Amino acid sequence: MESRMSRTNRVLLAAAASVTLLALAAFAPSDSRVRADDPVADSMKSLAETRASALVTVKYVLKGGAAGLDEDMEMEAPGLIVEQPGLVLVANTYLGGFMSRFGGGASLTPTDIKVLIGDDTQGVDAKMIAKDGELDLAWIQINEPAAEGYPFVSFADAATPDIGDTIFGIRRMGKFFDRATLISQARISGITRKPRHIYFDSSNSIVSLGLPVFDLHGKVVGVGTMVMPDQDEMEGLRGIFSSREDFQNTGMILGAEEVVKATARAKEMAASGKSPDEAAPAPAEPKPEDAGEMEP
């Protein structure tokens, strides 16, 4: 009798344990539920999988007569393919733009340009077709594009985030780290329309010059830039400490619509046969003190 009761108790206990485990499993979050509840993680993974292929490395030789830069220098810069036939966007700063603008008239020219795509270590020949020093952008066209074209980031369907919205920067590490993709997260901390449409990132660190920034849904917001006054205006700010701080450690993102318009101007200039050095940027928004001079 005791043996039969003991056996019955064991069966009942086992059944109760099974029911308990099933109940716990029902309430425990599955992997899919965890991912669904973490849109930031989903966005970061998606960007790494779908956008990184449009990031390239631009190799070039910088020539020019600037103080301390008498010898040609072999350089690398990050770039972004913005059109399938191989139009690459690069920060003009990397191509000698900063020295040309603030180096006392020194002029530097990128030559022997090659674009490294994917795992390519040799690169394909390319040339600079236009630049916009005020927007800190330059455009490089691959000479003989691949028949199937290249992965690219379109700026046509862009995001217009508000202050506080989550954004992501994307870049590749250097050759030593096998050009691994890095995704960084921040929030929009400010927005201005003058002198250009520029967003500012809260971390001051996720923005890479010339590379894209995306919103939570994978839409492009703009590209990292360095919009600054010219040398004379910067000299005038020396006595205004608070104004000078505006240009220190600030993550600037040039709005996508500005990039679209600038790219259209760059292509028009290239088609007209003008030299990249003749590039004429679009007029900036009027300064507040000039507003009274405008006609209604």
C-alpha atoms as a PDB file:
ATOM      1  CA  MET A   1       0.000   0.000   0.000  1.00  0.00           C
ATOM      2  CA  GLU A   2       2.822   2.346   0.959  1.00  0.00           C
ATOM      3  CA  SER A   3       4.685   1.597  -2.224  1.00  0.00           C
ATOM      4  CA  ARG A   4       1.580   2.316  -4.327  1.00  0.00           C
ATOM      5  CA  MET A   5       1.020   5.664  -2.504  1.00  0.00           C
ATOM      6  CA  SER A   6       4.662   6.653  -2.918  1.00  0.00           C
ATOM      7  CA  ARG A   7       4.497   5.911  -6.628  1.00  0.00           C
ATOM      8  CA  THR A   8       1.292   7.959  -6.938  1.00  0.00           C
ATOM      9  CA  ASN A   9       2.874  10.906  -5.125  1.00  0.00           C
ATOM     10  CA  ARG A  10       5.866  10.842  -7.430  1.00  0.00           C
ATOM     11  CA  VAL A  11       3.614  10.887 -10.489  1.00  0.00           C
ATOM     12  CA  LEU A  12       1.604  13.809  -9.090  1.00  0.00           C
ATOM     13  CA  LEU A  13       4.758  15.746  -8.227  1.00  0.00           C
ATOM     14  CA  ALA A  14       6.210  15.186 -11.696  1.00  0.00           C
ATOM     15  CA  ALA A  15       2.961  16.342 -13.301  1.00  0.00           C
ATOM     16  CA  ALA A  16       2.894  19.464 -11.135  1.00  0.00           C
ATOM     17  CA  ALA A  17       6.492  20.246 -12.008  1.00  0.00           C
ATOM     18  CA  SER A  18       5.742  19.920 -15.732  1.00  0.00           C
ATOM     19  CA  VAL A  19       2.769  22.280 -15.480  1.00  0.00           C
ATOM     20  CA  THR A  20       4.915  24.798 -13.566  1.00  0.00           C
ATOM     21  CA  LEU A  21       7.660  24.695 -16.177  1.00  0.00           C
ATOM     22  CA  LEU A  22       5.178  25.176 -18.998  1.00  0.00           C
ATOM     23  CA  ALA A  23       3.652  28.147 -17.210  1.00  0.00           C
ATOM     24  CA  LEU A  24       7.054  29.738 -16.651  1.00  0.00           C
ATOM     25  CA  ALA A  25       7.987  29.203 -20.298  1.00  0.00           C
ATOM     26  CA  ALA A  26       4.819  30.941 -21.394  1.00  0.00           C
ATOM     27  CA  PHE A  27       5.719  34.078 -19.452  1.00  0.00           C
ATOM     28  CA  ALA A  28       9.458  34.047 -20.150  1.00  0.00           C
ATOM     29  CA  PRO A  29      10.453  36.388 -23.017  1.00  0.00           C
ATOM     30  CA  SER A  30      11.596  34.523 -26.104  1.00  0.00           C
ATOM     31  CA  ASP A  31      14.470  35.757 -28.263  1.00  0.00           C
ATOM     32  CA  SER A  32      12.036  37.184 -30.805  1.00  0.00           C
ATOM     33  CA  ARG A  33      10.149  39.104 -28.112  1.00  0.00           C
ATOM     34  CA  VAL A  34      13.391  40.571 -26.768  1.00  0.00           C
ATOM     35  CA  ARG A  35      14.323  41.797 -30.231  1.00  0.00           C
ATOM     36  CA  ALA A  36      10.854  43.182 -30.832  1.00  0.00           C
ATOM     37  CA  ASP A  37      11.098  45.153 -27.592  1.00  0.00           C
ATOM     38  CA  ASP A  38      14.514  46.592 -28.498  1.00  0.00           C
ATOM     39  CA  PRO A  39      14.137  48.731 -31.662  1.00  0.00           C
ATOM     40  CA  VAL A  40      17.548  50.316 -31.112  1.00  0.00           C
ATOM     41  CA  ALA A  41      19.290  46.929 -31.319  1.00  0.00           C
ATOM     42  CA  ASP A  42      17.245  46.017 -34.395  1.00  0.00           C
ATOM     43  CA  SER A  43      18.135  49.302 -36.115  1.00  0.00           C
ATOM     44  CA  MET A  44      21.837  48.967 -35.373  1.00  0.00           C
ATOM     45  CA  LYS A  45      21.952  45.428 -36.706  1.00  0.00           C
ATOM     46  CA  SER A  46      19.956  46.362 -39.814  1.00  0.00           C
ATOM     47  CA  LEU A  47      22.219  49.312 -40.599  1.00  0.00           C
ATOM     48  CA  ALA A  48      25.318  47.155 -40.278  1.00  0.00           C
ATOM     49  CA  GLU A  49      23.824  44.556 -42.611  1.00  0.00           C
ATOM     50  CA  THR A  50      22.292  46.839 -45.256  1.00  0.00           C
ATOM     51  CA  ARG A  51      24.235  50.112 -45.303  1.00  0.00           C
ATOM     52  CA  ALA A  52      27.863  49.240 -44.646  1.00  0.00           C
ATOM     53  CA  SER A  53      28.370  48.023 -48.223  1.00  0.00           C
ATOM     54  CA  ALA A  54      28.002  51.623 -49.471  1.00  0.00           C
ATOM     55  CA  LEU A  55      30.940  52.775 -47.324  1.00  0.00           C
ATOM     56  CA  VAL A  56      34.241  52.889 -49.180  1.00  0.00           C
ATOM     57  CA  THR A  57      37.834  53.947 -48.634  1.00  0.00           C
ATOM     58  CA  VAL A  58      39.334  56.595 -50.893  1.00  0.00           C
ATOM     59  CA  LYS A  59      43.111  56.445 -51.367  1.00  0.00           C
ATOM     60  CA  TYR A  60      44.915  59.380 -52.943  1.00  0.00           C
ATOM     61  CA  VAL A  61      48.091  61.421 -53.068  1.00  0.00           C
ATOM     62  CA  LEU A  62      47.842  64.956 -51.759  1.00  0.00           C
ATOM     63  CA  LYS A  63      49.979  67.400 -53.724  1.00  0.00           C
ATOM     64  CA  GLY A  64      50.567  71.083 -53.086  1.00  0.00           C
ATOM     65  CA  GLY A  65      52.812  73.759 -51.668  1.00  0.00           C
ATOM     66  CA  ALA A  66      51.789  74.369 -48.085  1.00  0.00           C
ATOM     67  CA  ALA A  67      53.977  75.124 -45.113  1.00  0.00           C
ATOM     68  CA  GLY A  68      55.251  71.839 -43.781  1.00  0.00           C
ATOM     69  CA  LEU A  69      53.618  69.918 -46.651  1.00  0.00           C
ATOM     70  CA  ASP A  70      56.236  70.276 -49.368  1.00  0.00           C
ATOM     71  CA  GLU A  71      56.274  66.533 -50.038  1.00  0.00           C
ATOM     72  CA  ASP A  72      53.457  64.533 -51.585  1.00  0.00           C
ATOM     73  CA  MET A  73      51.503  62.561 -49.010  1.00  0.00           C
ATOM     74  CA  GLU A  74      49.690  59.275 -49.462  1.00  0.00           C
ATOM     75  CA  MET A  75      46.338  59.568 -47.707  1.00  0.00           C
ATOM     76  CA  GLU A  76      43.119  57.673 -47.029  1.00  0.00           C
ATOM     77  CA  ALA A  77      39.636  59.018 -46.367  1.00  0.00           C
ATOM     78  CA  PRO A  78      36.228  57.453 -45.743  1.00  0.00           C
ATOM     79  CA  GLY A  79      33.693  57.847 -48.523  1.00  0.00           C
ATOM     80  CA  LEU A  80      30.067  57.056 -49.283  1.00  0.00           C
ATOM     81  CA  ILE A  81      28.614  55.899 -52.602  1.00  0.00           C
ATOM     82  CA  VAL A  82      25.543  58.064 -53.240  1.00  0.00           C
ATOM     83  CA  GLU A  83      24.650  56.904 -56.773  1.00  0.00           C
ATOM     84  CA  GLN A  84      24.771  53.426 -58.291  1.00  0.00           C
ATOM     85  CA  PRO A  85      27.197  54.272 -61.145  1.00  0.00           C
ATOM     86  CA  GLY A  86      29.896  55.045 -58.590  1.00  0.00           C
ATOM     87  CA  LEU A  87      29.500  58.651 -57.431  1.00  0.00           C
ATOM     88  CA  VAL A  88      31.295  58.926 -54.093  1.00  0.00           C
ATOM     89  CA  LEU A  89      30.787  61.617 -51.476  1.00  0.00           C
ATOM     90  CA  VAL A  90      33.819  62.599 -49.376  1.00  0.00           C
ATOM     91  CA  ALA A  91      34.441  65.344 -46.834  1.00  0.00           C
ATOM     92  CA  ASN A  92      36.376  68.124 -48.538  1.00  0.00           C
ATOM     93  CA  THR A  93      38.378  68.523 -45.334  1.00  0.00           C
ATOM     94  CA  TYR A  94      40.183  65.243 -46.026  1.00  0.00           C
ATOM     95  CA  LEU A  95      41.073  66.288 -49.580  1.00  0.00           C
ATOM     96  CA  GLY A  96      42.983  69.383 -48.536  1.00  0.00           C
ATOM     97  CA  GLY A  97      39.933  71.600 -48.121  1.00  0.00           C
ATOM     98  CA  PHE A  98      40.695  72.713 -44.583  1.00  0.00           C
ATOM     99  CA  MET A  99      44.250  73.757 -45.441  1.00  0.00           C
ATOM    100  CA  SER A 100      43.076  75.499 -48.610  1.00  0.00           C
ATOM    101  CA  ARG A 101      40.535  77.487 -46.623  1.00  0.00           C
ATOM    102  CA  PHE A 102      42.506  78.296 -43.487  1.00  0.00           C
ATOM    103  CA  GLY A 103      46.105  77.729 -44.537  1.00  0.00           C
ATOM    104  CA  GLY A 104      46.910  81.209 -45.731  1.00  0.00           C
ATOM    105  CA  GLY A 105      46.211  80.596 -49.394  1.00  0.00           C
ATOM    106  CA  ALA A 106      47.896  77.199 -49.573  1.00  0.00           C
ATOM    107  CA  SER A 107      46.360  74.926 -52.166  1.00  0.00           C
ATOM    108  CA  LEU A 108      46.362  71.139 -51.985  1.00  0.00           C
ATOM    109  CA  THR A 109      45.171  68.839 -54.752  1.00  0.00           C
ATOM    110  CA  PRO A 110      44.215  65.141 -54.450  1.00  0.00           C
ATOM    111  CA  THR A 111      45.694  63.053 -57.270  1.00  0.00           C
ATOM    112  CA  ASP A 112      46.055  59.360 -58.137  1.00  0.00           C
ATOM    113  CA  ILE A 113      42.635  58.710 -56.618  1.00  0.00           C
ATOM    114  CA  LYS A 114      41.471  55.135 -56.103  1.00  0.00           C
ATOM    115  CA  VAL A 115      38.276  53.864 -54.480  1.00  0.00           C
ATOM    116  CA  LEU A 116      38.413  50.650 -52.449  1.00  0.00           C
ATOM    117  CA  ILE A 117      35.062  48.860 -52.389  1.00  0.00           C
ATOM    118  CA  GLY A 118      34.273  45.899 -50.160  1.00  0.00           C
ATOM    119  CA  ASP A 119      37.309  43.658 -49.664  1.00  0.00           C
ATOM    120  CA  ASP A 120      39.239  45.207 -52.571  1.00  0.00           C
ATOM    121  CA  THR A 121      42.749  46.250 -51.548  1.00  0.00           C
ATOM    122  CA  GLN A 122      43.862  47.711 -54.883  1.00  0.00           C
ATOM    123  CA  GLY A 123      41.037  50.106 -55.694  1.00  0.00           C
ATOM    124  CA  VAL A 124      39.495  51.362 -58.920  1.00  0.00           C
ATOM    125  CA  ASP A 125      40.587  54.587 -60.607  1.00  0.00           C
ATOM    126  CA  ALA A 126      38.498  57.679 -59.968  1.00  0.00           C
ATOM    127  CA  LYS A 127      38.639  61.465 -60.225  1.00  0.00           C
ATOM    128  CA  MET A 128      37.295  64.396 -58.257  1.00  0.00           C
ATOM    129  CA  ILE A 129      34.569  66.136 -60.270  1.00  0.00           C
ATOM    130  CA  ALA A 130      33.446  68.911 -57.900  1.00  0.00           C
ATOM    131  CA  LYS A 131      33.718  70.295 -54.394  1.00  0.00           C
ATOM    132  CA  ASP A 132      31.878  72.693 -52.122  1.00  0.00           C
ATOM    133  CA  GLY A 133      34.190  74.170 -49.530  1.00  0.00           C
ATOM    134  CA  GLU A 134      31.415  75.842 -47.548  1.00  0.00           C
ATOM    135  CA  LEU A 135      29.496  72.591 -47.123  1.00  0.00           C
ATOM    136  CA  ASP A 136      32.729  70.609 -46.674  1.00  0.00           C
ATOM    137  CA  LEU A 137      31.773  68.183 -49.445  1.00  0.00           C
ATOM    138  CA  ALA A 138      33.571  66.791 -52.478  1.00  0.00           C
ATOM    139  CA  TRP A 139      32.406  64.359 -55.162  1.00  0.00           C
ATOM    140  CA  ILE A 140      34.530  61.625 -56.728  1.00  0.00           C
ATOM    141  CA  GLN A 141      33.423  59.627 -59.748  1.00  0.00           C
ATOM    142  CA  ILE A 142      34.714  56.123 -60.484  1.00  0.00           C
ATOM    143  CA  ASN A 143      36.131  56.194 -64.011  1.00  0.00           C
ATOM    144  CA  GLU A 144      34.865  52.815 -65.217  1.00  0.00           C
ATOM    145  CA  PRO A 145      31.950  51.658 -63.060  1.00  0.00           C
ATOM    146  CA  ALA A 146      31.094  47.986 -62.750  1.00  0.00           C
ATOM    147  CA  ALA A 147      28.342  46.854 -65.101  1.00  0.00           C
ATOM    148  CA  GLU A 148      26.031  45.954 -62.225  1.00  0.00           C
ATOM    149  CA  GLY A 149      26.709  49.229 -60.387  1.00  0.00           C
ATOM    150  CA  TYR A 150      27.445  49.581 -56.695  1.00  0.00           C
ATOM    151  CA  PRO A 151      25.494  49.562 -53.416  1.00  0.00           C
ATOM    152  CA  PHE A 152      24.614  53.148 -52.517  1.00  0.00           C
ATOM    153  CA  VAL A 153      22.712  55.286 -50.024  1.00  0.00           C
ATOM    154  CA  SER A 154      19.923  57.349 -51.541  1.00  0.00           C
ATOM    155  CA  PHE A 155      19.184  60.732 -49.987  1.00  0.00           C
ATOM    156  CA  ALA A 156      15.861  61.113 -51.805  1.00  0.00           C
ATOM    157  CA  ASP A 157      13.677  59.521 -49.103  1.00  0.00           C
ATOM    158  CA  ALA A 158      15.145  61.225 -46.069  1.00  0.00           C
ATOM    159  CA  ALA A 159      14.207  61.578 -42.425  1.00  0.00           C
ATOM    160  CA  THR A 160      13.540  64.911 -40.718  1.00  0.00           C
ATOM    161  CA  PRO A 161      14.100  64.126 -37.049  1.00  0.00           C
ATOM    162  CA  ASP A 162      13.198  66.387 -34.158  1.00  0.00           C
ATOM    163  CA  ILE A 163      15.135  67.221 -30.999  1.00  0.00           C
ATOM    164  CA  GLY A 164      15.420  64.145 -28.821  1.00  0.00           C
ATOM    165  CA  ASP A 165      15.041  61.624 -31.650  1.00  0.00           C
ATOM    166  CA  THR A 166      17.456  58.699 -31.795  1.00  0.00           C
ATOM    167  CA  ILE A 167      20.078  58.721 -34.555  1.00  0.00           C
ATOM    168  CA  PHE A 168      22.913  56.419 -35.606  1.00  0.00           C
ATOM    169  CA  GLY A 169      26.295  57.064 -37.141  1.00  0.00           C
ATOM    170  CA  ILE A 170      28.045  54.432 -39.232  1.00  0.00           C
ATOM    171  CA  ARG A 171      31.692  54.088 -40.173  1.00  0.00           C
ATOM    172  CA  ARG A 172      34.401  51.552 -40.858  1.00  0.00           C
ATOM    173  CA  MET A 173      37.510  51.046 -38.783  1.00  0.00           C
ATOM    174  CA  GLY A 174      40.949  51.051 -40.359  1.00  0.00           C
ATOM    175  CA  LYS A 175      42.840  48.329 -42.153  1.00  0.00           C
ATOM    176  CA  PHE A 176      44.382  47.024 -38.911  1.00  0.00           C
ATOM    177  CA  PHE A 177      40.881  46.099 -37.646  1.00  0.00           C
ATOM    178  CA  ASP A 178      39.838  44.645 -41.010  1.00  0.00           C
ATOM    179  CA  ARG A 179      37.669  47.719 -41.694  1.00  0.00           C
ATOM    180  CA  ALA A 180      35.014  46.433 -39.294  1.00  0.00           C
ATOM    181  CA  THR A 181      31.707  48.316 -39.265  1.00  0.00           C
ATOM    182  CA  LEU A 182      30.880  50.451 -36.233  1.00  0.00           C
ATOM    183  CA  ILE A 183      27.405  51.778 -35.413  1.00  0.00           C
ATOM    184  CA  SER A 184      27.120  54.562 -32.819  1.00  0.00           C
ATOM    185  CA  GLN A 185      23.990  55.905 -31.151  1.00  0.00           C
ATOM    186  CA  ALA A 186      23.038  59.413 -30.039  1.00  0.00           C
ATOM    187  CA  ARG A 187      20.097  61.816 -30.132  1.00  0.00           C
ATOM    188  CA  ILE A 188      19.361  65.028 -31.952  1.00  0.00           C
ATOM    189  CA  SER A 189      20.307  67.785 -29.519  1.00  0.00           C
ATOM    190  CA  GLY A 190      19.675  70.829 -31.710  1.00  0.00           C
ATOM    191  CA  ILE A 191      18.619  72.011 -35.166  1.00  0.00           C
ATOM    192  CA  THR A 192      19.436  75.170 -37.112  1.00  0.00           C
ATOM    193  CA  ARG A 193      18.422  76.477 -40.532  1.00  0.00           C
ATOM    194  CA  LYS A 194      21.112  79.162 -40.751  1.00  0.00           C
ATOM    195  CA  PRO A 195      23.539  79.315 -42.352  1.00  0.00           C
ATOM    196  CA  ARG A 196      22.517  75.799 -43.468  1.00  0.00           C
ATOM    197  CA  HIS A 197      20.080  73.105 -42.370  1.00  0.00           C
ATOM    198  CA  ILE A 198      22.188  71.376 -39.739  1.00  0.00           C
ATOM    199  CA  TYR A 199      21.383  68.894 -36.996  1.00  0.00           C
ATOM    200  CA  PHE A 200      23.579  68.451 -33.931  1.00  0.00           C
ATOM    201  CA  ASP A 201      24.159  65.166 -32.159  1.00  0.00           C
ATOM    202  CA  SER A 202      24.013  64.941 -28.377  1.00  0.00           C
ATOM    203  CA  SER A 203      27.206  62.926 -27.993  1.00  0.00           C
ATOM    204  CA  ASN A 204      29.411  65.107 -30.224  1.00  0.00           C
ATOM    205  CA  SER A 205      31.087  61.848 -31.225  1.00  0.00           C
ATOM    206  CA  ILE A 206      28.988  59.676 -33.554  1.00  0.00           C
ATOM    207  CA  VAL A 207      29.366  61.897 -36.609  1.00  0.00           C
ATOM    208  CA  SER A 208      32.139  61.099 -39.093  1.00  0.00           C
ATOM    209  CA  LEU A 209      32.886  63.722 -41.719  1.00  0.00           C
ATOM    210  CA  GLY A 210      31.332  62.820 -45.058  1.00  0.00           C
ATOM    211  CA  LEU A 211      29.559  59.726 -43.727  1.00  0.00           C
ATOM    212  CA  PRO A 212      25.815  59.212 -43.258  1.00  0.00           C
ATOM    213  CA  VAL A 213      23.631  59.435 -40.178  1.00  0.00           C
ATOM    214  CA  PHE A 214      20.346  57.501 -39.977  1.00  0.00           C
ATOM    215  CA  ASP A 215      17.206  57.587 -37.878  1.00  0.00           C
ATOM    216  CA  LEU A 216      15.602  54.745 -35.943  1.00  0.00           C
ATOM    217  CA  HIS A 217      13.810  53.502 -39.073  1.00  0.00           C
ATOM    218  CA  GLY A 218      16.894  53.367 -41.267  1.00  0.00           C
ATOM    219  CA  LYS A 219      16.158  56.568 -43.178  1.00  0.00           C
ATOM    220  CA  VAL A 220      19.102  58.834 -43.875  1.00  0.00           C
ATOM    221  CA  VAL A 221      19.205  62.106 -41.918  1.00  0.00           C
ATOM    222  CA  GLY A 222      22.278  63.666 -43.531  1.00  0.00           C
ATOM    223  CA  VAL A 223      26.068  63.500 -43.522  1.00  0.00           C
ATOM    224  CA  GLY A 224      28.741  64.628 -41.113  1.00  0.00           C
ATOM    225  CA  THR A 225      30.093  68.041 -41.996  1.00  0.00           C
ATOM    226  CA  MET A 226      32.130  70.963 -40.699  1.00  0.00           C
ATOM    227  CA  VAL A 227      30.381  74.180 -41.669  1.00  0.00           C
ATOM    228  CA  MET A 228      32.448  77.099 -40.395  1.00  0.00           C
ATOM    229  CA  PRO A 229      32.869  80.811 -41.077  1.00  0.00           C
ATOM    230  CA  ASP A 230      35.708  81.807 -43.385  1.00  0.00           C
ATOM    231  CA  GLN A 231      39.068  82.851 -41.996  1.00  0.00           C
ATOM    232  CA  ASP A 232      38.202  86.544 -41.652  1.00  0.00           C
ATOM    233  CA  GLU A 233      35.020  85.763 -39.728  1.00  0.00           C
ATOM    234  CA  MET A 234      36.864  83.332 -37.462  1.00  0.00           C
ATOM    235  CA  GLU A 235      39.403  86.064 -36.669  1.00  0.00           C
ATOM    236  CA  GLY A 236      36.529  88.306 -35.611  1.00  0.00           C
ATOM    237  CA  LEU A 237      35.303  85.681 -33.153  1.00  0.00           C
ATOM    238  CA  ARG A 238      38.534  85.580 -31.138  1.00  0.00           C
ATOM    239  CA  GLY A 239      37.235  87.985 -28.571  1.00  0.00           C
ATOM    240  CA  ILE A 240      33.864  86.259 -28.245  1.00  0.00           C
ATOM    241  CA  PHE A 241      34.563  83.104 -26.265  1.00  0.00           C
ATOM    242  CA  SER A 242      30.994  81.786 -26.336  1.00  0.00           C
ATOM    243  CA  SER A 243      30.816  82.082 -30.124  1.00  0.00           C
ATOM    244  CA  ARG A 244      34.114  80.303 -30.598  1.00  0.00           C
ATOM    245  CA  GLU A 245      32.769  77.392 -28.556  1.00  0.00           C
ATOM    246  CA  ASP A 246      30.108  76.884 -31.231  1.00  0.00           C
ATOM    247  CA  PHE A 247      32.772  75.308 -33.442  1.00  0.00           C
ATOM    248  CA  GLN A 248      34.484  73.109 -30.874  1.00  0.00           C
ATOM    249  CA  ASN A 249      33.561  69.443 -30.359  1.00  0.00           C
ATOM    250  CA  THR A 250      30.254  69.827 -32.173  1.00  0.00           C
ATOM    251  CA  GLY A 251      28.766  66.957 -34.152  1.00  0.00           C
ATOM    252  CA  MET A 252      27.279  68.640 -37.219  1.00  0.00           C
ATOM    253  CA  ILE A 253      24.982  66.760 -39.602  1.00  0.00           C
ATOM    254  CA  LEU A 254      24.170  68.459 -42.897  1.00  0.00           C
ATOM    255  CA  GLY A 255      20.513  67.798 -43.705  1.00  0.00           C
ATOM    256  CA  ALA A 256      19.812  65.334 -46.512  1.00  0.00           C
ATOM    257  CA  GLU A 257      17.990  67.878 -48.686  1.00  0.00           C
ATOM    258  CA  GLU A 258      21.123  70.052 -48.647  1.00  0.00           C
ATOM    259  CA  VAL A 259      23.159  67.062 -49.821  1.00  0.00           C
ATOM    260  CA  VAL A 260      20.690  66.359 -52.645  1.00  0.00           C
ATOM    261  CA  LYS A 261      20.825  69.941 -53.945  1.00  0.00           C
ATOM    262  CA  ALA A 262      24.602  70.142 -53.624  1.00  0.00           C
ATOM    263  CA  THR A 263      25.051  66.846 -55.474  1.00  0.00           C
ATOM    264  CA  ALA A 264      22.836  68.079 -58.320  1.00  0.00           C
ATOM    265  CA  ARG A 265      24.984  71.236 -58.618  1.00  0.00           C
ATOM    266  CA  ALA A 266      28.150  69.140 -58.576  1.00  0.00           C
ATOM    267  CA  LYS A 267      26.926  66.956 -61.439  1.00  0.00           C
ATOM    268  CA  GLU A 268      25.873  69.998 -63.471  1.00  0.00           C
ATOM    269  CA  MET A 269      29.304  71.528 -63.069  1.00  0.00           C
ATOM    270  CA  ALA A 270      31.026  68.296 -64.024  1.00  0.00           C
ATOM    271  CA  ALA A 271      28.829  68.013 -67.124  1.00  0.00           C
ATOM    272  CA  SER A 272      29.731  71.590 -68.121  1.00  0.00           C
ATOM    273  CA  GLY A 273      33.423  70.739 -68.060  1.00  0.00           C
ATOM    274  CA  LYS A 274      34.330  73.085 -65.223  1.00  0.00           C
ATOM    275  CA  SER A 275      37.243  72.327 -62.961  1.00  0.00           C
ATOM    276  CA  PRO A 276      36.410  71.171 -59.428  1.00  0.00           C
ATOM    277  CA  ASP A 277      38.218  74.278 -58.169  1.00  0.00           C
ATOM    278  CA  GLU A 278      35.604  76.444 -59.894  1.00  0.00           C
ATOM    279  CA  ALA A 279      32.774  74.977 -57.849  1.00  0.00           C
ATOM    280  CA  ALA A 280      30.376  77.687 -56.698  1.00  0.00           C
ATOM    281  CA  PRO A 281      28.378  76.786 -53.602  1.00  0.00           C
ATOM    282  CA  ALA A 282      24.750  77.761 -53.272  1.00  0.00           C
ATOM    283  CA  PRO A 283      24.100  80.998 -51.374  1.00  0.00           C
ATOM    284  CA  ALA A 284      23.742  80.490 -47.657  1.00  0.00           C
ATOM    285  CA  GLU A 285      20.736  81.597 -45.675  1.00  0.00           C
ATOM    286  CA  PRO A 286      20.891  85.318 -44.893  1.00  0.00           C
ATOM    287  CA  LYS A 287      22.423  86.259 -41.591  1.00  0.00           C
ATOM    288  CA  PRO A 288      20.066  87.808 -39.030  1.00  0.00           C
ATOM    289  CA  GLU A 289      21.658  91.258 -39.450  1.00  0.00           C
ATOM    290  CA  ASP A 290      21.041  91.100 -43.215  1.00  0.00           C
ATOM    291  CA  ALA A 291      17.341  90.312 -42.910  1.00  0.00           C
ATOM    292  CA  GLY A 292      16.286  93.956 -43.064  1.00  0.00           C
ATOM    293  CA  GLU A 293      17.966  94.411 -46.455  1.00  0.00           C
ATOM    294  CA  MET A 294      15.807  91.804 -48.175  1.00  0.00           C
ATOM    295  CA  GLU A 295      12.821  92.816 -50.219  1.00  0.00           C
ATOM    296  CA  PRO A 296       9.465  91.534 -48.977  1.00  0.00           C
END
